[in-house]
């Protein structure tokens, strides 16, 4: 039976639509409604007056909001850039990997499979001053950095916050890019080799341009993941030192669950949702290219 034009398809979709409406659409709708009201739980257990776009105007004039935007953008750029660099290196290296290739490819998904909370606590302990394995190794190789407390230094904290992310996304990006690389006809590379093209020139003029659509897709996926990231901030830095690693997602959490300002945090959540929605739309457009 052809279900494309049959009402049966809606009956089959109904349970999933009900669940999606309950856990996704309804909370988003409530957040939008709350964003137009003044409601601070320390002042009243009930929503306050309607204030229109006051909470959104407050965000525009809030230095801490713009700081969280900057931190989120910096974190996303660092994570995406290093993940792509690692991914490209892994993909090119494994193109002719020999008998161990399949085993190595299977291990590429393991870092990503480790939960973010576990990754965050692991990196936090490995960066402990004087005791962490990363701190000891870095101090041994670069003695002039021995006085740096990695997660307490504003110059280094954001990089190390990004490290567990690109450590996982780098290999996964490599696996995705390797799949795209294997779809490029081998004859193109053979022709370049016959023309005397050097490996780097071949990569720059042939390999990378042909991989560009997948590079864009992977970049957007990493950015989407980075913008919504919360777990690593909570387990590694809690937004510190100061507000040096306070991402937008964590800023919303702090406003809503530390200051109990539900109206303002709802407005911030709507802004974040719109940003993620825009990135998701761009991702779907890229998939059609």
C-alpha atoms as a PDB file:
ATOM      1  CA  UNK A   1       0.000   0.000   0.000  1.00  0.00           C
ATOM      2  CA  UNK A   2       1.310   3.457  -0.907  1.00  0.00           C
ATOM      3  CA  UNK A   3       1.332   5.559   2.258  1.00  0.00           C
ATOM      4  CA  UNK A   4       2.447   8.782   0.599  1.00  0.00           C
ATOM      5  CA  UNK A   5      -1.112   9.998   0.030  1.00  0.00           C
ATOM      6  CA  UNK A   6      -2.800   7.889   2.681  1.00  0.00           C
ATOM      7  CA  UNK A   7      -4.169   9.251   5.994  1.00  0.00           C
ATOM      8  CA  UNK A   8      -2.611   6.194   7.663  1.00  0.00           C
ATOM      9  CA  UNK A   9       0.774   7.913   7.599  1.00  0.00           C
ATOM     10  CA  UNK A  10      -0.505  10.594   9.984  1.00  0.00           C
ATOM     11  CA  UNK A  11      -1.771   7.919  12.372  1.00  0.00           C
ATOM     12  CA  UNK A  12       1.694   6.351  12.360  1.00  0.00           C
ATOM     13  CA  UNK A  13       3.346   9.727  12.953  1.00  0.00           C
ATOM     14  CA  UNK A  14       0.918  10.826  15.670  1.00  0.00           C
ATOM     15  CA  UNK A  15       2.702   9.268  18.720  1.00  0.00           C
ATOM     16  CA  UNK A  16       6.012  10.831  17.747  1.00  0.00           C
ATOM     17  CA  UNK A  17       4.368  14.195  17.039  1.00  0.00           C
ATOM     18  CA  UNK A  18       2.650  14.166  20.434  1.00  0.00           C
ATOM     19  CA  UNK A  19       5.933  13.441  22.230  1.00  0.00           C
ATOM     20  CA  UNK A  20       7.762  16.099  20.213  1.00  0.00           C
ATOM     21  CA  UNK A  21       5.038  18.643  20.955  1.00  0.00           C
ATOM     22  CA  UNK A  22       5.190  17.828  24.662  1.00  0.00           C
ATOM     23  CA  UNK A  23       8.958  17.962  25.169  1.00  0.00           C
ATOM     24  CA  UNK A  24       9.978  20.519  22.529  1.00  0.00           C
ATOM     25  CA  UNK A  25       7.238  22.799  21.206  1.00  0.00           C
ATOM     26  CA  UNK A  26       5.469  23.383  24.528  1.00  0.00           C
ATOM     27  CA  UNK A  27       8.603  24.416  26.509  1.00  0.00           C
ATOM     28  CA  UNK A  28       9.707  26.726  23.674  1.00  0.00           C
ATOM     29  CA  UNK A  29       6.251  28.332  23.575  1.00  0.00           C
ATOM     30  CA  UNK A  30       6.298  28.821  27.349  1.00  0.00           C
ATOM     31  CA  UNK A  31       9.770  30.368  27.179  1.00  0.00           C
ATOM     32  CA  UNK A  32       8.592  32.810  24.505  1.00  0.00           C
ATOM     33  CA  UNK A  33       5.603  33.804  26.658  1.00  0.00           C
ATOM     34  CA  UNK A  34       7.750  34.212  29.782  1.00  0.00           C
ATOM     35  CA  UNK A  35      10.239  36.359  27.866  1.00  0.00           C
ATOM     36  CA  UNK A  36       7.584  39.095  27.642  1.00  0.00           C
ATOM     37  CA  UNK A  37       6.921  39.114  31.384  1.00  0.00           C
ATOM     38  CA  UNK A  38       8.759  40.317  34.468  1.00  0.00           C
ATOM     39  CA  UNK A  39       9.244  37.352  36.793  1.00  0.00           C
ATOM     40  CA  UNK A  40      11.878  36.894  39.439  1.00  0.00           C
ATOM     41  CA  UNK A  41      11.305  33.941  41.756  1.00  0.00           C
ATOM     42  CA  UNK A  42      12.964  35.733  44.688  1.00  0.00           C
ATOM     43  CA  UNK A  43      10.216  38.369  44.498  1.00  0.00           C
ATOM     44  CA  UNK A  44       7.134  36.355  43.539  1.00  0.00           C
ATOM     45  CA  UNK A  45       6.231  32.715  42.904  1.00  0.00           C
ATOM     46  CA  UNK A  46       3.857  33.847  40.143  1.00  0.00           C
ATOM     47  CA  UNK A  47       4.670  35.528  36.799  1.00  0.00           C
ATOM     48  CA  UNK A  48       4.594  39.321  36.978  1.00  0.00           C
ATOM     49  CA  UNK A  49       3.391  42.010  34.604  1.00  0.00           C
ATOM     50  CA  UNK A  50       3.695  41.966  30.842  1.00  0.00           C
ATOM     51  CA  UNK A  51       6.673  44.130  29.873  1.00  0.00           C
ATOM     52  CA  UNK A  52       6.797  43.699  26.106  1.00  0.00           C
ATOM     53  CA  UNK A  53      10.340  43.674  24.744  1.00  0.00           C
ATOM     54  CA  UNK A  54      11.904  45.019  27.941  1.00  0.00           C
ATOM     55  CA  UNK A  55      13.830  41.804  28.631  1.00  0.00           C
ATOM     56  CA  UNK A  56      15.228  41.813  25.076  1.00  0.00           C
ATOM     57  CA  UNK A  57      16.243  45.478  25.415  1.00  0.00           C
ATOM     58  CA  UNK A  58      17.929  44.569  28.701  1.00  0.00           C
ATOM     59  CA  UNK A  59      19.974  41.927  26.882  1.00  0.00           C
ATOM     60  CA  UNK A  60      21.127  44.433  24.277  1.00  0.00           C
ATOM     61  CA  UNK A  61      22.374  46.758  27.031  1.00  0.00           C
ATOM     62  CA  UNK A  62      23.912  43.984  29.169  1.00  0.00           C
ATOM     63  CA  UNK A  63      27.714  43.839  28.976  1.00  0.00           C
ATOM     64  CA  UNK A  64      27.701  40.315  30.395  1.00  0.00           C
ATOM     65  CA  UNK A  65      25.401  39.175  27.574  1.00  0.00           C
ATOM     66  CA  UNK A  66      27.782  40.514  24.941  1.00  0.00           C
ATOM     67  CA  UNK A  67      30.709  38.971  26.797  1.00  0.00           C
ATOM     68  CA  UNK A  68      28.966  35.581  26.630  1.00  0.00           C
ATOM     69  CA  UNK A  69      28.380  36.091  22.893  1.00  0.00           C
ATOM     70  CA  UNK A  70      32.089  36.824  22.430  1.00  0.00           C
ATOM     71  CA  UNK A  71      33.137  33.818  24.508  1.00  0.00           C
ATOM     72  CA  UNK A  72      30.722  31.524  22.637  1.00  0.00           C
ATOM     73  CA  UNK A  73      31.945  32.798  19.261  1.00  0.00           C
ATOM     74  CA  UNK A  74      35.615  32.425  20.237  1.00  0.00           C
ATOM     75  CA  UNK A  75      35.016  28.954  21.624  1.00  0.00           C
ATOM     76  CA  UNK A  76      33.158  27.885  18.467  1.00  0.00           C
ATOM     77  CA  UNK A  77      35.834  29.262  16.131  1.00  0.00           C
ATOM     78  CA  UNK A  78      38.696  27.609  18.050  1.00  0.00           C
ATOM     79  CA  UNK A  79      36.859  24.302  18.272  1.00  0.00           C
ATOM     80  CA  UNK A  80      35.810  24.268  14.613  1.00  0.00           C
ATOM     81  CA  UNK A  81      39.234  25.333  13.295  1.00  0.00           C
ATOM     82  CA  UNK A  82      41.239  22.768  15.265  1.00  0.00           C
ATOM     83  CA  UNK A  83      38.660  20.010  14.690  1.00  0.00           C
ATOM     84  CA  UNK A  84      38.802  20.586  10.936  1.00  0.00           C
ATOM     85  CA  UNK A  85      42.616  20.726  10.884  1.00  0.00           C
ATOM     86  CA  UNK A  86      42.807  17.442  12.794  1.00  0.00           C
ATOM     87  CA  UNK A  87      40.048  15.931  10.674  1.00  0.00           C
ATOM     88  CA  UNK A  88      41.738  16.810   7.391  1.00  0.00           C
ATOM     89  CA  UNK A  89      45.075  15.448   8.603  1.00  0.00           C
ATOM     90  CA  UNK A  90      43.446  12.203   9.786  1.00  0.00           C
ATOM     91  CA  UNK A  91      41.437  11.784   6.559  1.00  0.00           C
ATOM     92  CA  UNK A  92      44.467  12.294   4.298  1.00  0.00           C
ATOM     93  CA  UNK A  93      46.649  10.064   6.495  1.00  0.00           C
ATOM     94  CA  UNK A  94      44.167   7.186   6.442  1.00  0.00           C
ATOM     95  CA  UNK A  95      43.464   7.307   2.698  1.00  0.00           C
ATOM     96  CA  UNK A  96      46.040   4.560   2.124  1.00  0.00           C
ATOM     97  CA  UNK A  97      46.277   3.157   5.633  1.00  0.00           C
ATOM     98  CA  UNK A  98      46.969  -0.487   4.846  1.00  0.00           C
ATOM     99  CA  UNK A  99      45.766  -3.507   6.842  1.00  0.00           C
ATOM    100  CA  UNK A 100      45.358  -1.527  10.078  1.00  0.00           C
ATOM    101  CA  UNK A 101      43.089   1.007   8.406  1.00  0.00           C
ATOM    102  CA  UNK A 102      39.755  -0.518   9.405  1.00  0.00           C
ATOM    103  CA  UNK A 103      40.832  -0.850  13.034  1.00  0.00           C
ATOM    104  CA  UNK A 104      42.030   2.749  13.140  1.00  0.00           C
ATOM    105  CA  UNK A 105      38.801   3.986  11.553  1.00  0.00           C
ATOM    106  CA  UNK A 106      36.756   2.136  14.166  1.00  0.00           C
ATOM    107  CA  UNK A 107      38.681   3.817  16.993  1.00  0.00           C
ATOM    108  CA  UNK A 108      37.970   7.303  15.640  1.00  0.00           C
ATOM    109  CA  UNK A 109      34.463   7.344  17.115  1.00  0.00           C
ATOM    110  CA  UNK A 110      35.606   6.375  20.628  1.00  0.00           C
ATOM    111  CA  UNK A 111      36.523   9.888  21.888  1.00  0.00           C
ATOM    112  CA  UNK A 112      33.147  11.213  20.750  1.00  0.00           C
ATOM    113  CA  UNK A 113      31.373   8.352  22.523  1.00  0.00           C
ATOM    114  CA  UNK A 114      32.741   9.456  25.913  1.00  0.00           C
ATOM    115  CA  UNK A 115      30.131  11.608  27.726  1.00  0.00           C
ATOM    116  CA  UNK A 116      30.898  15.317  27.956  1.00  0.00           C
ATOM    117  CA  UNK A 117      30.685  15.311  31.750  1.00  0.00           C
ATOM    118  CA  UNK A 118      33.323  12.574  31.976  1.00  0.00           C
ATOM    119  CA  UNK A 119      35.505  14.389  29.462  1.00  0.00           C
ATOM    120  CA  UNK A 120      35.198  17.611  31.446  1.00  0.00           C
ATOM    121  CA  UNK A 121      36.138  16.100  34.807  1.00  0.00           C
ATOM    122  CA  UNK A 122      38.977  14.105  33.216  1.00  0.00           C
ATOM    123  CA  UNK A 123      40.550  17.182  31.641  1.00  0.00           C
ATOM    124  CA  UNK A 124      40.042  19.162  34.823  1.00  0.00           C
ATOM    125  CA  UNK A 125      42.004  16.612  36.847  1.00  0.00           C
ATOM    126  CA  UNK A 126      44.675  16.221  34.149  1.00  0.00           C
ATOM    127  CA  UNK A 127      45.270  19.997  34.277  1.00  0.00           C
ATOM    128  CA  UNK A 128      45.621  20.222  38.074  1.00  0.00           C
ATOM    129  CA  UNK A 129      48.689  22.235  39.016  1.00  0.00           C
ATOM    130  CA  UNK A 130      51.568  19.967  40.027  1.00  0.00           C
ATOM    131  CA  UNK A 131      49.543  16.743  39.911  1.00  0.00           C
ATOM    132  CA  UNK A 132      47.725  16.610  36.580  1.00  0.00           C
ATOM    133  CA  UNK A 133      49.385  14.565  33.844  1.00  0.00           C
ATOM    134  CA  UNK A 134      48.998  17.359  31.276  1.00  0.00           C
ATOM    135  CA  UNK A 135      50.432  19.936  33.676  1.00  0.00           C
ATOM    136  CA  UNK A 136      53.433  17.731  34.519  1.00  0.00           C
ATOM    137  CA  UNK A 137      54.179  16.977  30.855  1.00  0.00           C
ATOM    138  CA  UNK A 138      53.860  20.597  29.746  1.00  0.00           C
ATOM    139  CA  UNK A 139      56.040  21.803  32.635  1.00  0.00           C
ATOM    140  CA  UNK A 140      58.699  19.225  31.692  1.00  0.00           C
ATOM    141  CA  UNK A 141      58.761  20.269  28.022  1.00  0.00           C
ATOM    142  CA  UNK A 142      58.169  24.008  28.549  1.00  0.00           C
ATOM    143  CA  UNK A 143      59.601  24.977  31.970  1.00  0.00           C
ATOM    144  CA  UNK A 144      58.757  28.660  31.433  1.00  0.00           C
ATOM    145  CA  UNK A 145      55.048  27.684  31.645  1.00  0.00           C
ATOM    146  CA  UNK A 146      55.434  25.944  34.998  1.00  0.00           C
ATOM    147  CA  UNK A 147      53.753  28.770  36.908  1.00  0.00           C
ATOM    148  CA  UNK A 148      50.615  28.785  34.760  1.00  0.00           C
ATOM    149  CA  UNK A 149      47.438  27.488  36.389  1.00  0.00           C
ATOM    150  CA  UNK A 150      45.695  26.474  33.194  1.00  0.00           C
ATOM    151  CA  UNK A 151      42.019  26.767  34.136  1.00  0.00           C
ATOM    152  CA  UNK A 152      42.576  29.861  36.278  1.00  0.00           C
ATOM    153  CA  UNK A 153      44.453  31.841  33.634  1.00  0.00           C
ATOM    154  CA  UNK A 154      42.129  33.908  31.384  1.00  0.00           C
ATOM    155  CA  UNK A 155      44.616  33.547  28.511  1.00  0.00           C
ATOM    156  CA  UNK A 156      44.514  29.735  28.580  1.00  0.00           C
ATOM    157  CA  UNK A 157      41.194  28.732  30.137  1.00  0.00           C
ATOM    158  CA  UNK A 158      39.139  29.024  26.944  1.00  0.00           C
ATOM    159  CA  UNK A 159      41.607  26.955  24.930  1.00  0.00           C
ATOM    160  CA  UNK A 160      41.585  24.146  27.485  1.00  0.00           C
ATOM    161  CA  UNK A 161      37.799  24.358  27.673  1.00  0.00           C
ATOM    162  CA  UNK A 162      37.747  23.734  23.917  1.00  0.00           C
ATOM    163  CA  UNK A 163      40.295  20.893  24.097  1.00  0.00           C
ATOM    164  CA  UNK A 164      37.861  18.090  25.113  1.00  0.00           C
ATOM    165  CA  UNK A 165      35.595  19.138  22.248  1.00  0.00           C
ATOM    166  CA  UNK A 166      38.129  19.170  19.420  1.00  0.00           C
ATOM    167  CA  UNK A 167      39.734  16.023  20.907  1.00  0.00           C
ATOM    168  CA  UNK A 168      36.411  14.286  20.162  1.00  0.00           C
ATOM    169  CA  UNK A 169      35.310  16.162  17.046  1.00  0.00           C
ATOM    170  CA  UNK A 170      38.718  15.987  15.332  1.00  0.00           C
ATOM    171  CA  UNK A 171      38.672  12.188  14.840  1.00  0.00           C
ATOM    172  CA  UNK A 172      34.952  12.182  14.039  1.00  0.00           C
ATOM    173  CA  UNK A 173      35.482  14.942  11.466  1.00  0.00           C
ATOM    174  CA  UNK A 174      38.322  12.865  10.033  1.00  0.00           C
ATOM    175  CA  UNK A 175      35.998   9.904   9.613  1.00  0.00           C
ATOM    176  CA  UNK A 176      33.384  12.045   7.850  1.00  0.00           C
ATOM    177  CA  UNK A 177      35.956  13.700   5.606  1.00  0.00           C
ATOM    178  CA  UNK A 178      37.532  10.316   4.848  1.00  0.00           C
ATOM    179  CA  UNK A 179      34.173   9.125   3.519  1.00  0.00           C
ATOM    180  CA  UNK A 180      33.987  12.162   1.238  1.00  0.00           C
ATOM    181  CA  UNK A 181      37.613  11.701   0.192  1.00  0.00           C
ATOM    182  CA  UNK A 182      37.010   8.097  -0.807  1.00  0.00           C
ATOM    183  CA  UNK A 183      34.225   9.270  -3.156  1.00  0.00           C
ATOM    184  CA  UNK A 184      36.672  11.333  -5.222  1.00  0.00           C
ATOM    185  CA  UNK A 185      37.675   9.358  -8.333  1.00  0.00           C
ATOM    186  CA  UNK A 186      41.228   8.035  -8.060  1.00  0.00           C
ATOM    187  CA  UNK A 187      41.826   8.978 -11.711  1.00  0.00           C
ATOM    188  CA  UNK A 188      41.918  12.674 -10.745  1.00  0.00           C
ATOM    189  CA  UNK A 189      44.884  12.130  -8.424  1.00  0.00           C
ATOM    190  CA  UNK A 190      46.618   9.859 -10.933  1.00  0.00           C
ATOM    191  CA  UNK A 191      46.325  12.557 -13.598  1.00  0.00           C
ATOM    192  CA  UNK A 192      47.731  15.166 -11.188  1.00  0.00           C
ATOM    193  CA  UNK A 193      50.642  12.881 -10.349  1.00  0.00           C
ATOM    194  CA  UNK A 194      51.408  12.338 -14.052  1.00  0.00           C
ATOM    195  CA  UNK A 195      51.429  16.113 -14.508  1.00  0.00           C
ATOM    196  CA  UNK A 196      54.113  16.368 -11.844  1.00  0.00           C
ATOM    197  CA  UNK A 197      51.939  17.904  -9.151  1.00  0.00           C
ATOM    198  CA  UNK A 198      53.497  17.823  -5.678  1.00  0.00           C
ATOM    199  CA  UNK A 199      51.418  16.408  -2.761  1.00  0.00           C
ATOM    200  CA  UNK A 200      50.776  19.795  -1.122  1.00  0.00           C
ATOM    201  CA  UNK A 201      49.847  21.379  -4.451  1.00  0.00           C
ATOM    202  CA  UNK A 202      47.485  18.465  -5.168  1.00  0.00           C
ATOM    203  CA  UNK A 203      45.835  18.900  -1.777  1.00  0.00           C
ATOM    204  CA  UNK A 204      45.464  22.671  -2.205  1.00  0.00           C
ATOM    205  CA  UNK A 205      44.173  22.675  -5.772  1.00  0.00           C
ATOM    206  CA  UNK A 206      42.284  19.369  -6.022  1.00  0.00           C
ATOM    207  CA  UNK A 207      41.610  17.601  -2.731  1.00  0.00           C
ATOM    208  CA  UNK A 208      40.467  20.514  -0.590  1.00  0.00           C
ATOM    209  CA  UNK A 209      38.212  22.143  -3.224  1.00  0.00           C
ATOM    210  CA  UNK A 210      36.464  18.795  -3.797  1.00  0.00           C
ATOM    211  CA  UNK A 211      36.086  18.332  -0.028  1.00  0.00           C
ATOM    212  CA  UNK A 212      34.758  21.865   0.528  1.00  0.00           C
ATOM    213  CA  UNK A 213      31.036  20.885   0.734  1.00  0.00           C
ATOM    214  CA  UNK A 214      31.767  18.298   3.434  1.00  0.00           C
ATOM    215  CA  UNK A 215      34.126  20.727   5.186  1.00  0.00           C
ATOM    216  CA  UNK A 216      31.281  23.243   5.394  1.00  0.00           C
ATOM    217  CA  UNK A 217      28.884  20.627   6.748  1.00  0.00           C
ATOM    218  CA  UNK A 218      31.364  19.429   9.375  1.00  0.00           C
ATOM    219  CA  UNK A 219      32.191  23.024  10.357  1.00  0.00           C
ATOM    220  CA  UNK A 220      28.541  23.854  10.888  1.00  0.00           C
ATOM    221  CA  UNK A 221      27.956  20.701  12.929  1.00  0.00           C
ATOM    222  CA  UNK A 222      30.886  21.555  15.211  1.00  0.00           C
ATOM    223  CA  UNK A 223      29.661  25.147  15.588  1.00  0.00           C
ATOM    224  CA  UNK A 224      26.117  23.981  16.394  1.00  0.00           C
ATOM    225  CA  UNK A 225      27.484  21.658  19.044  1.00  0.00           C
ATOM    226  CA  UNK A 226      29.779  24.357  20.440  1.00  0.00           C
ATOM    227  CA  UNK A 227      27.124  27.062  20.696  1.00  0.00           C
ATOM    228  CA  UNK A 228      24.837  24.761  22.695  1.00  0.00           C
ATOM    229  CA  UNK A 229      27.630  23.407  24.913  1.00  0.00           C
ATOM    230  CA  UNK A 230      27.034  23.542  28.666  1.00  0.00           C
ATOM    231  CA  UNK A 231      28.522  20.435  30.313  1.00  0.00           C
ATOM    232  CA  UNK A 232      32.195  21.318  29.915  1.00  0.00           C
ATOM    233  CA  UNK A 233      31.778  24.797  31.392  1.00  0.00           C
ATOM    234  CA  UNK A 234      29.967  23.370  34.416  1.00  0.00           C
ATOM    235  CA  UNK A 235      32.499  20.608  35.057  1.00  0.00           C
ATOM    236  CA  UNK A 236      35.726  22.473  34.229  1.00  0.00           C
ATOM    237  CA  UNK A 237      35.500  26.227  34.907  1.00  0.00           C
ATOM    238  CA  UNK A 238      31.951  27.248  35.911  1.00  0.00           C
ATOM    239  CA  UNK A 239      32.399  30.262  33.641  1.00  0.00           C
ATOM    240  CA  UNK A 240      35.611  31.447  35.279  1.00  0.00           C
ATOM    241  CA  UNK A 241      38.083  32.828  35.838  1.00  0.00           C
ATOM    242  CA  UNK A 242      35.780  35.807  36.189  1.00  0.00           C
ATOM    243  CA  UNK A 243      33.608  35.477  33.114  1.00  0.00           C
ATOM    244  CA  UNK A 244      36.404  34.391  30.745  1.00  0.00           C
ATOM    245  CA  UNK A 245      34.684  31.109  29.823  1.00  0.00           C
ATOM    246  CA  UNK A 246      31.043  32.023  30.401  1.00  0.00           C
ATOM    247  CA  UNK A 247      29.295  30.925  27.211  1.00  0.00           C
ATOM    248  CA  UNK A 248      25.797  32.122  26.329  1.00  0.00           C
ATOM    249  CA  UNK A 249      24.264  28.826  27.389  1.00  0.00           C
ATOM    250  CA  UNK A 250      25.971  29.011  30.778  1.00  0.00           C
ATOM    251  CA  UNK A 251      25.061  32.688  31.163  1.00  0.00           C
ATOM    252  CA  UNK A 252      21.398  31.752  30.668  1.00  0.00           C
ATOM    253  CA  UNK A 253      21.768  29.024  33.286  1.00  0.00           C
ATOM    254  CA  UNK A 254      23.319  31.452  35.749  1.00  0.00           C
ATOM    255  CA  UNK A 255      20.586  34.064  35.246  1.00  0.00           C
ATOM    256  CA  UNK A 256      17.798  31.495  35.531  1.00  0.00           C
ATOM    257  CA  UNK A 257      19.067  29.193  38.279  1.00  0.00           C
ATOM    258  CA  UNK A 258      21.367  31.423  40.358  1.00  0.00           C
ATOM    259  CA  UNK A 259      19.583  34.764  40.110  1.00  0.00           C
ATOM    260  CA  UNK A 260      16.149  33.161  39.496  1.00  0.00           C
ATOM    261  CA  UNK A 261      15.264  35.807  36.912  1.00  0.00           C
ATOM    262  CA  UNK A 262      12.902  33.712  34.801  1.00  0.00           C
ATOM    263  CA  UNK A 263      11.739  36.504  32.495  1.00  0.00           C
ATOM    264  CA  UNK A 264      15.218  37.628  31.504  1.00  0.00           C
ATOM    265  CA  UNK A 265      16.610  34.104  31.200  1.00  0.00           C
ATOM    266  CA  UNK A 266      13.638  33.169  28.985  1.00  0.00           C
ATOM    267  CA  UNK A 267      14.415  36.070  26.654  1.00  0.00           C
ATOM    268  CA  UNK A 268      18.045  34.972  26.494  1.00  0.00           C
ATOM    269  CA  UNK A 269      16.958  31.397  25.789  1.00  0.00           C
ATOM    270  CA  UNK A 270      14.766  32.605  22.918  1.00  0.00           C
ATOM    271  CA  UNK A 271      17.732  34.502  21.457  1.00  0.00           C
ATOM    272  CA  UNK A 272      19.887  31.371  21.697  1.00  0.00           C
ATOM    273  CA  UNK A 273      17.131  29.244  20.129  1.00  0.00           C
ATOM    274  CA  UNK A 274      16.799  31.665  17.211  1.00  0.00           C
ATOM    275  CA  UNK A 275      20.560  31.561  16.691  1.00  0.00           C
ATOM    276  CA  UNK A 276      20.638  27.778  16.734  1.00  0.00           C
ATOM    277  CA  UNK A 277      17.613  27.705  14.422  1.00  0.00           C
ATOM    278  CA  UNK A 278      19.453  29.918  11.947  1.00  0.00           C
ATOM    279  CA  UNK A 279      22.490  27.653  12.039  1.00  0.00           C
ATOM    280  CA  UNK A 280      20.281  24.571  11.629  1.00  0.00           C
ATOM    281  CA  UNK A 281      18.595  26.152   8.603  1.00  0.00           C
ATOM    282  CA  UNK A 282      21.989  26.917   7.096  1.00  0.00           C
ATOM    283  CA  UNK A 283      22.992  23.291   7.711  1.00  0.00           C
ATOM    284  CA  UNK A 284      19.930  21.977   5.828  1.00  0.00           C
ATOM    285  CA  UNK A 285      20.700  24.355   2.961  1.00  0.00           C
ATOM    286  CA  UNK A 286      24.269  23.081   2.788  1.00  0.00           C
ATOM    287  CA  UNK A 287      23.053  19.496   2.642  1.00  0.00           C
ATOM    288  CA  UNK A 288      21.074  20.369  -0.497  1.00  0.00           C
ATOM    289  CA  UNK A 289      24.104  21.839  -2.253  1.00  0.00           C
END
